[in-house]
Amino acid sequence: IAEDQDSQMTAIATISTADVVIDALLGTGFSGAVRAPLDRLIAAVNAATKRATVAVDVPSGLDCDTGAVGGVAIRADLTITFVAAKRGFTLGDAPSYVGRLQVADIGAPRELLDNV
């Protein structure tokens, strides 16, 4: 999302009229605190009236290793994650942000998963 106020307002207005919001802002490498302007965008997604929010791999703002929320995080109705459920999805407040969890197979070798 752009730093300028007009672009932020346009993005937020678009979200507020959407039926479904797809969250792919921040990924598995996220840790710490969500910074501006993404913190405002995440808050707007959570506040919007919509049918569903779907997170891609991990809800933005959630540390998928520890389950910690970075000040603000997407509250997904459905999280579609890849290969395997992330360790942090069951820790702390994470379950209320992950929503229903679906693991998508992307062809990772089974022996790789067994070693992790």
PDB file of N, CA and C in Angstrom:
ATOM      1  N   ILE A   1       0.861  -1.177   0.000  1.00  0.00           N
ATOM      2  CA  ILE A   1       0.000   0.000   0.000  1.00  0.00           C
ATOM      3  C   ILE A   1       0.902   1.233   0.000  1.00  0.00           C
ATOM      4  N   ALA A   2       0.508   2.211  -0.745  1.00  0.00           N
ATOM      5  CA  ALA A   2       1.309   3.423  -0.875  1.00  0.00           C
ATOM      6  C   ALA A   2       1.326   4.218   0.425  1.00  0.00           C
ATOM      7  N   GLU A   3       2.355   5.021   0.575  1.00  0.00           N
ATOM      8  CA  GLU A   3       2.495   5.847   1.778  1.00  0.00           C
ATOM      9  C   GLU A   3       1.551   7.048   1.773  1.00  0.00           C
ATOM     10  N   ASP A   4       1.103   7.493   0.574  1.00  0.00           N
ATOM     11  CA  ASP A   4       0.286   8.704   0.545  1.00  0.00           C
ATOM     12  C   ASP A   4      -1.139   8.419   1.029  1.00  0.00           C
ATOM     13  N   GLN A   5      -1.704   9.395   1.682  1.00  0.00           N
ATOM     14  CA  GLN A   5      -3.011   9.280   2.336  1.00  0.00           C
ATOM     15  C   GLN A   5      -4.136   8.954   1.354  1.00  0.00           C
ATOM     16  N   ASP A   6      -4.117   9.543   0.148  1.00  0.00           N
ATOM     17  CA  ASP A   6      -5.181   9.291  -0.827  1.00  0.00           C
ATOM     18  C   ASP A   6      -5.216   7.821  -1.248  1.00  0.00           C
ATOM     19  N   SER A   7      -4.055   7.247  -1.498  1.00  0.00           N
ATOM     20  CA  SER A   7      -3.988   5.838  -1.896  1.00  0.00           C
ATOM     21  C   SER A   7      -4.453   4.932  -0.767  1.00  0.00           C
ATOM     22  N   GLN A   8      -4.108   5.271   0.453  1.00  0.00           N
ATOM     23  CA  GLN A   8      -4.535   4.483   1.606  1.00  0.00           C
ATOM     24  C   GLN A   8      -6.050   4.528   1.747  1.00  0.00           C
ATOM     25  N   MET A   9      -6.628   5.701   1.596  1.00  0.00           N
ATOM     26  CA  MET A   9      -8.074   5.841   1.711  1.00  0.00           C
ATOM     27  C   MET A   9      -8.789   5.076   0.604  1.00  0.00           C
ATOM     28  N   THR A  10      -8.233   5.083  -0.602  1.00  0.00           N
ATOM     29  CA  THR A  10      -8.813   4.334  -1.710  1.00  0.00           C
ATOM     30  C   THR A  10      -8.783   2.841  -1.418  1.00  0.00           C
ATOM     31  N   ALA A  11      -7.658   2.345  -0.908  1.00  0.00           N
ATOM     32  CA  ALA A  11      -7.544   0.924  -0.572  1.00  0.00           C
ATOM     33  C   ALA A  11      -8.540   0.542   0.501  1.00  0.00           C
ATOM     34  N   ILE A  12      -8.664   1.347   1.513  1.00  0.00           N
ATOM     35  CA  ILE A  12      -9.596   1.068   2.611  1.00  0.00           C
ATOM     36  C   ILE A  12     -11.036   1.118   2.118  1.00  0.00           C
ATOM     37  N   ALA A  13     -11.369   2.066   1.256  1.00  0.00           N
ATOM     38  CA  ALA A  13     -12.723   2.152   0.711  1.00  0.00           C
ATOM     39  C   ALA A  13     -13.046   0.918  -0.130  1.00  0.00           C
ATOM     40  N   THR A  14     -12.074   0.433  -0.889  1.00  0.00           N
ATOM     41  CA  THR A  14     -12.276  -0.759  -1.709  1.00  0.00           C
ATOM     42  C   THR A  14     -12.528  -1.974  -0.827  1.00  0.00           C
ATOM     43  N   ILE A  15     -11.773  -2.096   0.239  1.00  0.00           N
ATOM     44  CA  ILE A  15     -11.948  -3.220   1.170  1.00  0.00           C
ATOM     45  C   ILE A  15     -13.330  -3.184   1.803  1.00  0.00           C
ATOM     46  N   SER A  16     -13.784  -1.995   2.157  1.00  0.00           N
ATOM     47  CA  SER A  16     -15.057  -1.890   2.869  1.00  0.00           C
ATOM     48  C   SER A  16     -16.249  -2.287   2.010  1.00  0.00           C
ATOM     49  N   THR A  17     -16.084  -2.401   0.693  1.00  0.00           N
ATOM     50  CA  THR A  17     -17.188  -2.804  -0.179  1.00  0.00           C
ATOM     51  C   THR A  17     -17.005  -4.216  -0.729  1.00  0.00           C
ATOM     52  N   ALA A  18     -15.938  -4.910  -0.346  1.00  0.00           N
ATOM     53  CA  ALA A  18     -15.657  -6.241  -0.883  1.00  0.00           C
ATOM     54  C   ALA A  18     -16.465  -7.312  -0.155  1.00  0.00           C
ATOM     55  N   ASP A  19     -16.864  -8.348  -0.887  1.00  0.00           N
ATOM     56  CA  ASP A  19     -17.533  -9.487  -0.270  1.00  0.00           C
ATOM     57  C   ASP A  19     -16.521 -10.405   0.414  1.00  0.00           C
ATOM     58  N   VAL A  20     -15.384 -10.614  -0.265  1.00  0.00           N
ATOM     59  CA  VAL A  20     -14.324 -11.475   0.255  1.00  0.00           C
ATOM     60  C   VAL A  20     -13.011 -10.730   0.129  1.00  0.00           C
ATOM     61  N   VAL A  21     -12.201 -10.784   1.181  1.00  0.00           N
ATOM     62  CA  VAL A  21     -10.883 -10.153   1.158  1.00  0.00           C
ATOM     63  C   VAL A  21      -9.835 -11.257   1.219  1.00  0.00           C
ATOM     64  N   ILE A  22      -8.883 -11.215   0.290  1.00  0.00           N
ATOM     65  CA  ILE A  22      -7.757 -12.148   0.277  1.00  0.00           C
ATOM     66  C   ILE A  22      -6.567 -11.434   0.889  1.00  0.00           C
ATOM     67  N   ASP A  23      -6.035 -12.001   1.957  1.00  0.00           N
ATOM     68  CA  ASP A  23      -4.894 -11.430   2.667  1.00  0.00           C
ATOM     69  C   ASP A  23      -3.615 -12.132   2.235  1.00  0.00           C
ATOM     70  N   ALA A  24      -2.715 -11.385   1.618  1.00  0.00           N
ATOM     71  CA  ALA A  24      -1.392 -11.894   1.253  1.00  0.00           C
ATOM     72  C   ALA A  24      -0.370 -10.774   1.451  1.00  0.00           C
ATOM     73  N   LEU A  25      -0.572  -9.965   2.488  1.00  0.00           N
ATOM     74  CA  LEU A  25       0.295  -8.811   2.733  1.00  0.00           C
ATOM     75  C   LEU A  25       1.655  -9.208   3.288  1.00  0.00           C
ATOM     76  N   LEU A  26       1.660  -9.995   4.359  1.00  0.00           N
ATOM     77  CA  LEU A  26       2.896 -10.394   5.031  1.00  0.00           C
ATOM     78  C   LEU A  26       2.935 -11.915   5.089  1.00  0.00           C
ATOM     79  N   GLY A  27       4.128 -12.487   5.061  1.00  0.00           N
ATOM     80  CA  GLY A  27       4.238 -13.935   4.988  1.00  0.00           C
ATOM     81  C   GLY A  27       4.925 -14.570   6.172  1.00  0.00           C
ATOM     82  N   THR A  28       5.477 -15.751   5.940  1.00  0.00           N
ATOM     83  CA  THR A  28       6.057 -16.563   7.008  1.00  0.00           C
ATOM     84  C   THR A  28       7.288 -15.942   7.646  1.00  0.00           C
ATOM     85  N   GLY A  29       7.942 -15.028   6.998  1.00  0.00           N
ATOM     86  CA  GLY A  29       9.125 -14.389   7.574  1.00  0.00           C
ATOM     87  C   GLY A  29       8.805 -13.250   8.525  1.00  0.00           C
ATOM     88  N   PHE A  30       7.526 -12.919   8.685  1.00  0.00           N
ATOM     89  CA  PHE A  30       7.152 -11.790   9.531  1.00  0.00           C
ATOM     90  C   PHE A  30       7.399 -12.091  11.006  1.00  0.00           C
ATOM     91  N   SER A  31       7.937 -11.093  11.703  1.00  0.00           N
ATOM     92  CA  SER A  31       8.020 -11.107  13.163  1.00  0.00           C
ATOM     93  C   SER A  31       8.100  -9.661  13.618  1.00  0.00           C
ATOM     94  N   GLY A  32       7.811  -9.437  14.875  1.00  0.00           N
ATOM     95  CA  GLY A  32       7.872  -8.074  15.398  1.00  0.00           C
ATOM     96  C   GLY A  32       6.537  -7.386  15.321  1.00  0.00           C
ATOM     97  N   ALA A  33       6.570  -6.084  15.042  1.00  0.00           N
ATOM     98  CA  ALA A  33       5.353  -5.276  15.003  1.00  0.00           C
ATOM     99  C   ALA A  33       5.031  -4.858  13.575  1.00  0.00           C
ATOM    100  N   VAL A  34       3.756  -4.857  13.258  1.00  0.00           N
ATOM    101  CA  VAL A  34       3.299  -4.364  11.956  1.00  0.00           C
ATOM    102  C   VAL A  34       3.436  -2.845  11.963  1.00  0.00           C
ATOM    103  N   ARG A  35       4.077  -2.322  10.942  1.00  0.00           N
ATOM    104  CA  ARG A  35       4.294  -0.874  10.849  1.00  0.00           C
ATOM    105  C   ARG A  35       3.282  -0.231   9.905  1.00  0.00           C
ATOM    106  N   ALA A  36       3.180   1.099  10.025  1.00  0.00           N
ATOM    107  CA  ALA A  36       2.329   1.884   9.134  1.00  0.00           C
ATOM    108  C   ALA A  36       2.915   1.811   7.722  1.00  0.00           C
ATOM    109  N   PRO A  37       2.086   1.817   6.734  1.00  0.00           N
ATOM    110  CA  PRO A  37       0.629   1.936   6.738  1.00  0.00           C
ATOM    111  C   PRO A  37      -0.100   0.595   6.826  1.00  0.00           C
ATOM    112  N   LEU A  38       0.651  -0.519   6.867  1.00  0.00           N
ATOM    113  CA  LEU A  38      -0.013  -1.817   6.889  1.00  0.00           C
ATOM    114  C   LEU A  38      -0.853  -2.036   8.140  1.00  0.00           C
ATOM    115  N   ASP A  39      -0.461  -1.448   9.255  1.00  0.00           N
ATOM    116  CA  ASP A  39      -1.266  -1.602  10.470  1.00  0.00           C
ATOM    117  C   ASP A  39      -2.671  -1.052  10.275  1.00  0.00           C
ATOM    118  N   ARG A  40      -2.781   0.079   9.587  1.00  0.00           N
ATOM    119  CA  ARG A  40      -4.105   0.676   9.334  1.00  0.00           C
ATOM    120  C   ARG A  40      -4.911  -0.163   8.340  1.00  0.00           C
ATOM    121  N   LEU A  41      -4.223  -0.702   7.353  1.00  0.00           N
ATOM    122  CA  LEU A  41      -4.905  -1.538   6.368  1.00  0.00           C
ATOM    123  C   LEU A  41      -5.444  -2.814   7.024  1.00  0.00           C
ATOM    124  N   ILE A  42      -4.647  -3.446   7.861  1.00  0.00           N
ATOM    125  CA  ILE A  42      -5.094  -4.653   8.570  1.00  0.00           C
ATOM    126  C   ILE A  42      -6.281  -4.332   9.469  1.00  0.00           C
ATOM    127  N   ALA A  43      -6.220  -3.220  10.180  1.00  0.00           N
ATOM    128  CA  ALA A  43      -7.342  -2.815  11.032  1.00  0.00           C
ATOM    129  C   ALA A  43      -8.603  -2.599  10.195  1.00  0.00           C
ATOM    130  N   ALA A  44      -8.455  -2.025   9.004  1.00  0.00           N
ATOM    131  CA  ALA A  44      -9.604  -1.792   8.127  1.00  0.00           C
ATOM    132  C   ALA A  44     -10.192  -3.106   7.630  1.00  0.00           C
ATOM    133  N   VAL A  45      -9.345  -4.065   7.292  1.00  0.00           N
ATOM    134  CA  VAL A  45      -9.836  -5.382   6.863  1.00  0.00           C
ATOM    135  C   VAL A  45     -10.634  -6.021   7.988  1.00  0.00           C
ATOM    136  N   ASN A  46     -10.097  -5.985   9.199  1.00  0.00           N
ATOM    137  CA  ASN A  46     -10.792  -6.588  10.335  1.00  0.00           C
ATOM    138  C   ASN A  46     -12.118  -5.901  10.642  1.00  0.00           C
ATOM    139  N   ALA A  47     -12.198  -4.593  10.424  1.00  0.00           N
ATOM    140  CA  ALA A  47     -13.406  -3.828  10.743  1.00  0.00           C
ATOM    141  C   ALA A  47     -14.469  -3.901   9.650  1.00  0.00           C
ATOM    142  N   ALA A  48     -14.063  -4.265   8.434  1.00  0.00           N
ATOM    143  CA  ALA A  48     -14.988  -4.243   7.301  1.00  0.00           C
ATOM    144  C   ALA A  48     -16.059  -5.321   7.436  1.00  0.00           C
ATOM    145  N   THR A  49     -17.264  -4.990   6.964  1.00  0.00           N
ATOM    146  CA  THR A  49     -18.348  -5.954   6.876  1.00  0.00           C
ATOM    147  C   THR A  49     -18.164  -6.707   5.571  1.00  0.00           C
ATOM    148  N   LYS A  50     -17.959  -8.000   5.664  1.00  0.00           N
ATOM    149  CA  LYS A  50     -17.701  -8.812   4.483  1.00  0.00           C
ATOM    150  C   LYS A  50     -18.133 -10.241   4.764  1.00  0.00           C
ATOM    151  N   ARG A  51     -18.205 -11.048   3.733  1.00  0.00           N
ATOM    152  CA  ARG A  51     -18.586 -12.448   3.921  1.00  0.00           C
ATOM    153  C   ARG A  51     -17.444 -13.253   4.517  1.00  0.00           C
ATOM    154  N   ALA A  52     -16.194 -12.968   4.076  1.00  0.00           N
ATOM    155  CA  ALA A  52     -15.067 -13.764   4.565  1.00  0.00           C
ATOM    156  C   ALA A  52     -13.744 -13.064   4.293  1.00  0.00           C
ATOM    157  N   THR A  53     -12.766 -13.413   5.131  1.00  0.00           N
ATOM    158  CA  THR A  53     -11.379 -13.026   4.909  1.00  0.00           C
ATOM    159  C   THR A  53     -10.580 -14.319   4.802  1.00  0.00           C
ATOM    160  N   VAL A  54      -9.830 -14.452   3.711  1.00  0.00           N
ATOM    161  CA  VAL A  54      -9.025 -15.646   3.460  1.00  0.00           C
ATOM    162  C   VAL A  54      -7.556 -15.240   3.489  1.00  0.00           C
ATOM    163  N   ALA A  55      -6.789 -15.855   4.385  1.00  0.00           N
ATOM    164  CA  ALA A  55      -5.355 -15.582   4.484  1.00  0.00           C
ATOM    165  C   ALA A  55      -4.588 -16.602   3.648  1.00  0.00           C
ATOM    166  N   VAL A  56      -3.598 -16.123   2.918  1.00  0.00           N
ATOM    167  CA  VAL A  56      -2.730 -16.980   2.119  1.00  0.00           C
ATOM    168  C   VAL A  56      -1.490 -17.307   2.948  1.00  0.00           C
ATOM    169  N   ASP A  57      -1.316 -18.544   3.311  1.00  0.00           N
ATOM    170  CA  ASP A  57      -0.222 -19.132   4.071  1.00  0.00           C
ATOM    171  C   ASP A  57      -0.238 -18.780   5.552  1.00  0.00           C
ATOM    172  N   VAL A  58      -0.362 -17.498   5.895  1.00  0.00           N
ATOM    173  CA  VAL A  58      -0.400 -17.076   7.295  1.00  0.00           C
ATOM    174  C   VAL A  58      -1.143 -15.743   7.368  1.00  0.00           C
ATOM    175  N   PRO A  59      -1.996 -15.524   8.359  1.00  0.00           N
ATOM    176  CA  PRO A  59      -2.631 -14.213   8.488  1.00  0.00           C
ATOM    177  C   PRO A  59      -1.568 -13.130   8.712  1.00  0.00           C
ATOM    178  N   SER A  60      -1.643 -12.068   7.951  1.00  0.00           N
ATOM    179  CA  SER A  60      -0.671 -10.978   8.080  1.00  0.00           C
ATOM    180  C   SER A  60      -0.680 -10.413   9.484  1.00  0.00           C
ATOM    181  N   GLY A  61       0.534 -10.253  10.036  1.00  0.00           N
ATOM    182  CA  GLY A  61       0.687  -9.731  11.386  1.00  0.00           C
ATOM    183  C   GLY A  61       0.844 -10.810  12.432  1.00  0.00           C
ATOM    184  N   LEU A  62       0.723 -12.078  12.032  1.00  0.00           N
ATOM    185  CA  LEU A  62       0.870 -13.195  12.950  1.00  0.00           C
ATOM    186  C   LEU A  62       2.223 -13.855  12.730  1.00  0.00           C
ATOM    187  N   ASP A  63       2.988 -14.023  13.787  1.00  0.00           N
ATOM    188  CA  ASP A  63       4.266 -14.737  13.706  1.00  0.00           C
ATOM    189  C   ASP A  63       3.929 -16.222  13.697  1.00  0.00           C
ATOM    190  N   CYS A  64       4.181 -16.898  12.585  1.00  0.00           N
ATOM    191  CA  CYS A  64       3.745 -18.286  12.458  1.00  0.00           C
ATOM    192  C   CYS A  64       4.617 -19.267  13.241  1.00  0.00           C
ATOM    193  N   ASP A  65       5.729 -18.803  13.801  1.00  0.00           N
ATOM    194  CA  ASP A  65       6.560 -19.671  14.639  1.00  0.00           C
ATOM    195  C   ASP A  65       6.147 -19.603  16.105  1.00  0.00           C
ATOM    196  N   THR A  66       5.769 -18.406  16.561  1.00  0.00           N
ATOM    197  CA  THR A  66       5.473 -18.219  17.984  1.00  0.00           C
ATOM    198  C   THR A  66       3.983 -18.026  18.284  1.00  0.00           C
ATOM    199  N   GLY A  67       3.206 -17.685  17.276  1.00  0.00           N
ATOM    200  CA  GLY A  67       1.793 -17.388  17.483  1.00  0.00           C
ATOM    201  C   GLY A  67       1.553 -15.977  17.990  1.00  0.00           C
ATOM    202  N   ALA A  68       2.625 -15.168  18.096  1.00  0.00           N
ATOM    203  CA  ALA A  68       2.497 -13.794  18.595  1.00  0.00           C
ATOM    204  C   ALA A  68       1.882 -12.882  17.542  1.00  0.00           C
ATOM    205  N   VAL A  69       1.070 -11.964  18.009  1.00  0.00           N
ATOM    206  CA  VAL A  69       0.455 -10.960  17.148  1.00  0.00           C
ATOM    207  C   VAL A  69       1.317  -9.713  17.201  1.00  0.00           C
ATOM    208  N   GLY A  70       1.629  -9.170  16.022  1.00  0.00           N
ATOM    209  CA  GLY A  70       2.494  -7.992  15.929  1.00  0.00           C
ATOM    210  C   GLY A  70       1.748  -6.693  16.120  1.00  0.00           C
ATOM    211  N   GLY A  71       1.005  -6.569  17.224  1.00  0.00           N
ATOM    212  CA  GLY A  71       0.210  -5.369  17.483  1.00  0.00           C
ATOM    213  C   GLY A  71      -1.167  -5.470  16.864  1.00  0.00           C
ATOM    214  N   VAL A  72      -1.214  -5.841  15.601  1.00  0.00           N
ATOM    215  CA  VAL A  72      -2.458  -6.043  14.867  1.00  0.00           C
ATOM    216  C   VAL A  72      -2.214  -7.187  13.884  1.00  0.00           C
ATOM    217  N   ALA A  73      -3.242  -7.987  13.635  1.00  0.00           N
ATOM    218  CA  ALA A  73      -3.130  -9.084  12.676  1.00  0.00           C
ATOM    219  C   ALA A  73      -4.484  -9.327  12.032  1.00  0.00           C
ATOM    220  N   ILE A  74      -4.449  -9.863  10.831  1.00  0.00           N
ATOM    221  CA  ILE A  74      -5.677 -10.228  10.134  1.00  0.00           C
ATOM    222  C   ILE A  74      -6.391 -11.317  10.922  1.00  0.00           C
ATOM    223  N   ARG A  75      -7.697 -11.157  11.105  1.00  0.00           N
ATOM    224  CA  ARG A  75      -8.537 -12.205  11.689  1.00  0.00           C
ATOM    225  C   ARG A  75      -9.199 -12.930  10.518  1.00  0.00           C
ATOM    226  N   ALA A  76      -8.563 -14.018  10.108  1.00  0.00           N
ATOM    227  CA  ALA A  76      -9.038 -14.761   8.947  1.00  0.00           C
ATOM    228  C   ALA A  76     -10.178 -15.698   9.321  1.00  0.00           C
ATOM    229  N   ASP A  77     -11.090 -15.858   8.392  1.00  0.00           N
ATOM    230  CA  ASP A  77     -12.118 -16.881   8.531  1.00  0.00           C
ATOM    231  C   ASP A  77     -11.557 -18.216   8.063  1.00  0.00           C
ATOM    232  N   LEU A  78     -10.638 -18.143   7.099  1.00  0.00           N
ATOM    233  CA  LEU A  78     -10.000 -19.322   6.525  1.00  0.00           C
ATOM    234  C   LEU A  78      -8.544 -18.967   6.236  1.00  0.00           C
ATOM    235  N   THR A  79      -7.635 -19.848   6.644  1.00  0.00           N
ATOM    236  CA  THR A  79      -6.227 -19.710   6.273  1.00  0.00           C
ATOM    237  C   THR A  79      -5.870 -20.913   5.427  1.00  0.00           C
ATOM    238  N   ILE A  80      -5.396 -20.667   4.218  1.00  0.00           N
ATOM    239  CA  ILE A  80      -4.905 -21.735   3.354  1.00  0.00           C
ATOM    240  C   ILE A  80      -3.388 -21.661   3.415  1.00  0.00           C
ATOM    241  N   THR A  81      -2.800 -22.644   4.094  1.00  0.00           N
ATOM    242  CA  THR A  81      -1.358 -22.655   4.279  1.00  0.00           C
ATOM    243  C   THR A  81      -0.747 -23.743   3.404  1.00  0.00           C
ATOM    244  N   PHE A  82       0.545 -23.701   3.221  1.00  0.00           N
ATOM    245  CA  PHE A  82       1.217 -24.606   2.295  1.00  0.00           C
ATOM    246  C   PHE A  82       2.078 -25.619   3.027  1.00  0.00           C
ATOM    247  N   VAL A  83       2.100 -26.832   2.538  1.00  0.00           N
ATOM    248  CA  VAL A  83       2.933 -27.946   2.972  1.00  0.00           C
ATOM    249  C   VAL A  83       2.469 -28.538   4.297  1.00  0.00           C
ATOM    250  N   ALA A  84       2.450 -27.736   5.370  1.00  0.00           N
ATOM    251  CA  ALA A  84       2.051 -28.232   6.690  1.00  0.00           C
ATOM    252  C   ALA A  84       1.585 -27.059   7.541  1.00  0.00           C
ATOM    253  N   ALA A  85       0.803 -27.371   8.566  1.00  0.00           N
ATOM    254  CA  ALA A  85       0.383 -26.328   9.504  1.00  0.00           C
ATOM    255  C   ALA A  85       1.613 -25.761  10.196  1.00  0.00           C
ATOM    256  N   LYS A  86       1.638 -24.459  10.380  1.00  0.00           N
ATOM    257  CA  LYS A  86       2.776 -23.807  11.024  1.00  0.00           C
ATOM    258  C   LYS A  86       2.691 -24.012  12.536  1.00  0.00           C
ATOM    259  N   ARG A  87       3.835 -24.140  13.162  1.00  0.00           N
ATOM    260  CA  ARG A  87       3.937 -24.402  14.604  1.00  0.00           C
ATOM    261  C   ARG A  87       3.146 -23.387  15.432  1.00  0.00           C
ATOM    262  N   GLY A  88       3.233 -22.115  15.092  1.00  0.00           N
ATOM    263  CA  GLY A  88       2.598 -21.064  15.879  1.00  0.00           C
ATOM    264  C   GLY A  88       1.091 -20.971  15.748  1.00  0.00           C
ATOM    265  N   PHE A  89       0.495 -21.698  14.806  1.00  0.00           N
ATOM    266  CA  PHE A  89      -0.952 -21.606  14.595  1.00  0.00           C
ATOM    267  C   PHE A  89      -1.764 -22.084  15.799  1.00  0.00           C
ATOM    268  N   THR A  90      -1.161 -22.863  16.679  1.00  0.00           N
ATOM    269  CA  THR A  90      -1.891 -23.381  17.841  1.00  0.00           C
ATOM    270  C   THR A  90      -1.473 -22.699  19.136  1.00  0.00           C
ATOM    271  N   LEU A  91      -0.565 -21.745  19.064  1.00  0.00           N
ATOM    272  CA  LEU A  91      -0.026 -21.110  20.266  1.00  0.00           C
ATOM    273  C   LEU A  91      -0.693 -19.770  20.558  1.00  0.00           C
ATOM    274  N   GLY A  92      -0.793 -19.439  21.828  1.00  0.00           N
ATOM    275  CA  GLY A  92      -1.297 -18.128  22.249  1.00  0.00           C
ATOM    276  C   GLY A  92      -2.649 -17.800  21.657  1.00  0.00           C
ATOM    277  N   ASP A  93      -2.764 -16.584  21.127  1.00  0.00           N
ATOM    278  CA  ASP A  93      -4.015 -16.115  20.526  1.00  0.00           C
ATOM    279  C   ASP A  93      -4.175 -16.523  19.067  1.00  0.00           C
ATOM    280  N   ALA A  94      -3.174 -17.199  18.513  1.00  0.00           N
ATOM    281  CA  ALA A  94      -3.170 -17.505  17.077  1.00  0.00           C
ATOM    282  C   ALA A  94      -4.435 -18.190  16.567  1.00  0.00           C
ATOM    283  N   PRO A  95      -4.999 -19.168  17.279  1.00  0.00           N
ATOM    284  CA  PRO A  95      -6.186 -19.832  16.727  1.00  0.00           C
ATOM    285  C   PRO A  95      -7.334 -18.869  16.386  1.00  0.00           C
ATOM    286  N   SER A  96      -7.482 -17.791  17.126  1.00  0.00           N
ATOM    287  CA  SER A  96      -8.567 -16.848  16.828  1.00  0.00           C
ATOM    288  C   SER A  96      -8.249 -15.973  15.616  1.00  0.00           C
ATOM    289  N   TYR A  97      -7.020 -15.982  15.149  1.00  0.00           N
ATOM    290  CA  TYR A  97      -6.641 -15.241  13.949  1.00  0.00           C
ATOM    291  C   TYR A  97      -6.594 -16.148  12.717  1.00  0.00           C
ATOM    292  N   VAL A  98      -6.291 -17.421  12.913  1.00  0.00           N
ATOM    293  CA  VAL A  98      -6.156 -18.368  11.799  1.00  0.00           C
ATOM    294  C   VAL A  98      -7.512 -18.769  11.245  1.00  0.00           C
ATOM    295  N   GLY A  99      -8.516 -18.895  12.104  1.00  0.00           N
ATOM    296  CA  GLY A  99      -9.822 -19.361  11.650  1.00  0.00           C
ATOM    297  C   GLY A  99      -9.742 -20.828  11.253  1.00  0.00           C
ATOM    298  N   ARG A 100     -10.537 -21.218  10.279  1.00  0.00           N
ATOM    299  CA  ARG A 100     -10.482 -22.593   9.778  1.00  0.00           C
ATOM    300  C   ARG A 100      -9.190 -22.749   8.995  1.00  0.00           C
ATOM    301  N   LEU A 101      -8.501 -23.857   9.174  1.00  0.00           N
ATOM    302  CA  LEU A 101      -7.204 -24.073   8.542  1.00  0.00           C
ATOM    303  C   LEU A 101      -7.299 -25.148   7.476  1.00  0.00           C
ATOM    304  N   GLN A 102      -6.774 -24.828   6.296  1.00  0.00           N
ATOM    305  CA  GLN A 102      -6.695 -25.786   5.195  1.00  0.00           C
ATOM    306  C   GLN A 102      -5.237 -25.855   4.761  1.00  0.00           C
ATOM    307  N   VAL A 103      -4.657 -27.063   4.742  1.00  0.00           N
ATOM    308  CA  VAL A 103      -3.280 -27.251   4.295  1.00  0.00           C
ATOM    309  C   VAL A 103      -3.313 -27.667   2.829  1.00  0.00           C
ATOM    310  N   ALA A 104      -2.611 -26.901   1.994  1.00  0.00           N
ATOM    311  CA  ALA A 104      -2.554 -27.181   0.562  1.00  0.00           C
ATOM    312  C   ALA A 104      -1.244 -27.896   0.236  1.00  0.00           C
ATOM    313  N   ASP A 105      -1.355 -29.003  -0.467  1.00  0.00           N
ATOM    314  CA  ASP A 105      -0.183 -29.758  -0.900  1.00  0.00           C
ATOM    315  C   ASP A 105       0.411 -29.065  -2.129  1.00  0.00           C
ATOM    316  N   ILE A 106       1.668 -28.700  -2.030  1.00  0.00           N
ATOM    317  CA  ILE A 106       2.331 -28.065  -3.185  1.00  0.00           C
ATOM    318  C   ILE A 106       3.457 -28.939  -3.732  1.00  0.00           C
ATOM    319  N   GLY A 107       3.433 -30.232  -3.363  1.00  0.00           N
ATOM    320  CA  GLY A 107       4.380 -31.181  -3.925  1.00  0.00           C
ATOM    321  C   GLY A 107       5.702 -31.303  -3.195  1.00  0.00           C
ATOM    322  N   ALA A 108       5.780 -30.823  -1.964  1.00  0.00           N
ATOM    323  CA  ALA A 108       7.022 -30.974  -1.194  1.00  0.00           C
ATOM    324  C   ALA A 108       7.253 -32.460  -0.924  1.00  0.00           C
ATOM    325  N   PRO A 109       8.486 -32.931  -1.083  1.00  0.00           N
ATOM    326  CA  PRO A 109       8.765 -34.350  -0.855  1.00  0.00           C
ATOM    327  C   PRO A 109       8.448 -34.759   0.585  1.00  0.00           C
ATOM    328  N   ARG A 110       7.790 -35.893   0.747  1.00  0.00           N
ATOM    329  CA  ARG A 110       7.390 -36.388   2.061  1.00  0.00           C
ATOM    330  C   ARG A 110       8.584 -36.546   3.007  1.00  0.00           C
ATOM    331  N   GLU A 111       9.721 -37.013   2.481  1.00  0.00           N
ATOM    332  CA  GLU A 111      10.897 -37.191   3.324  1.00  0.00           C
ATOM    333  C   GLU A 111      11.423 -35.873   3.858  1.00  0.00           C
ATOM    334  N   LEU A 112      11.238 -34.788   3.131  1.00  0.00           N
ATOM    335  CA  LEU A 112      11.620 -33.470   3.625  1.00  0.00           C
ATOM    336  C   LEU A 112      10.763 -33.105   4.829  1.00  0.00           C
ATOM    337  N   LEU A 113       9.486 -33.346   4.740  1.00  0.00           N
ATOM    338  CA  LEU A 113       8.577 -33.050   5.853  1.00  0.00           C
ATOM    339  C   LEU A 113       8.885 -33.918   7.064  1.00  0.00           C
ATOM    340  N   ASP A 114       9.209 -35.185   6.826  1.00  0.00           N
ATOM    341  CA  ASP A 114       9.533 -36.085   7.932  1.00  0.00           C
ATOM    342  C   ASP A 114      10.787 -35.638   8.672  1.00  0.00           C
ATOM    343  N   ASN A 115      11.739 -35.010   7.970  1.00  0.00           N
ATOM    344  CA  ASN A 115      12.985 -34.549   8.578  1.00  0.00           C
ATOM    345  C   ASN A 115      12.814 -33.257   9.361  1.00  0.00           C
ATOM    346  N   VAL A 116      11.750 -32.516   9.067  1.00  0.00           N
ATOM    347  CA  VAL A 116      11.498 -31.250   9.757  1.00  0.00           C
ATOM    348  C   VAL A 116      10.610 -31.527  10.885  1.00  0.00           C
TER     349      VAL A 116
END
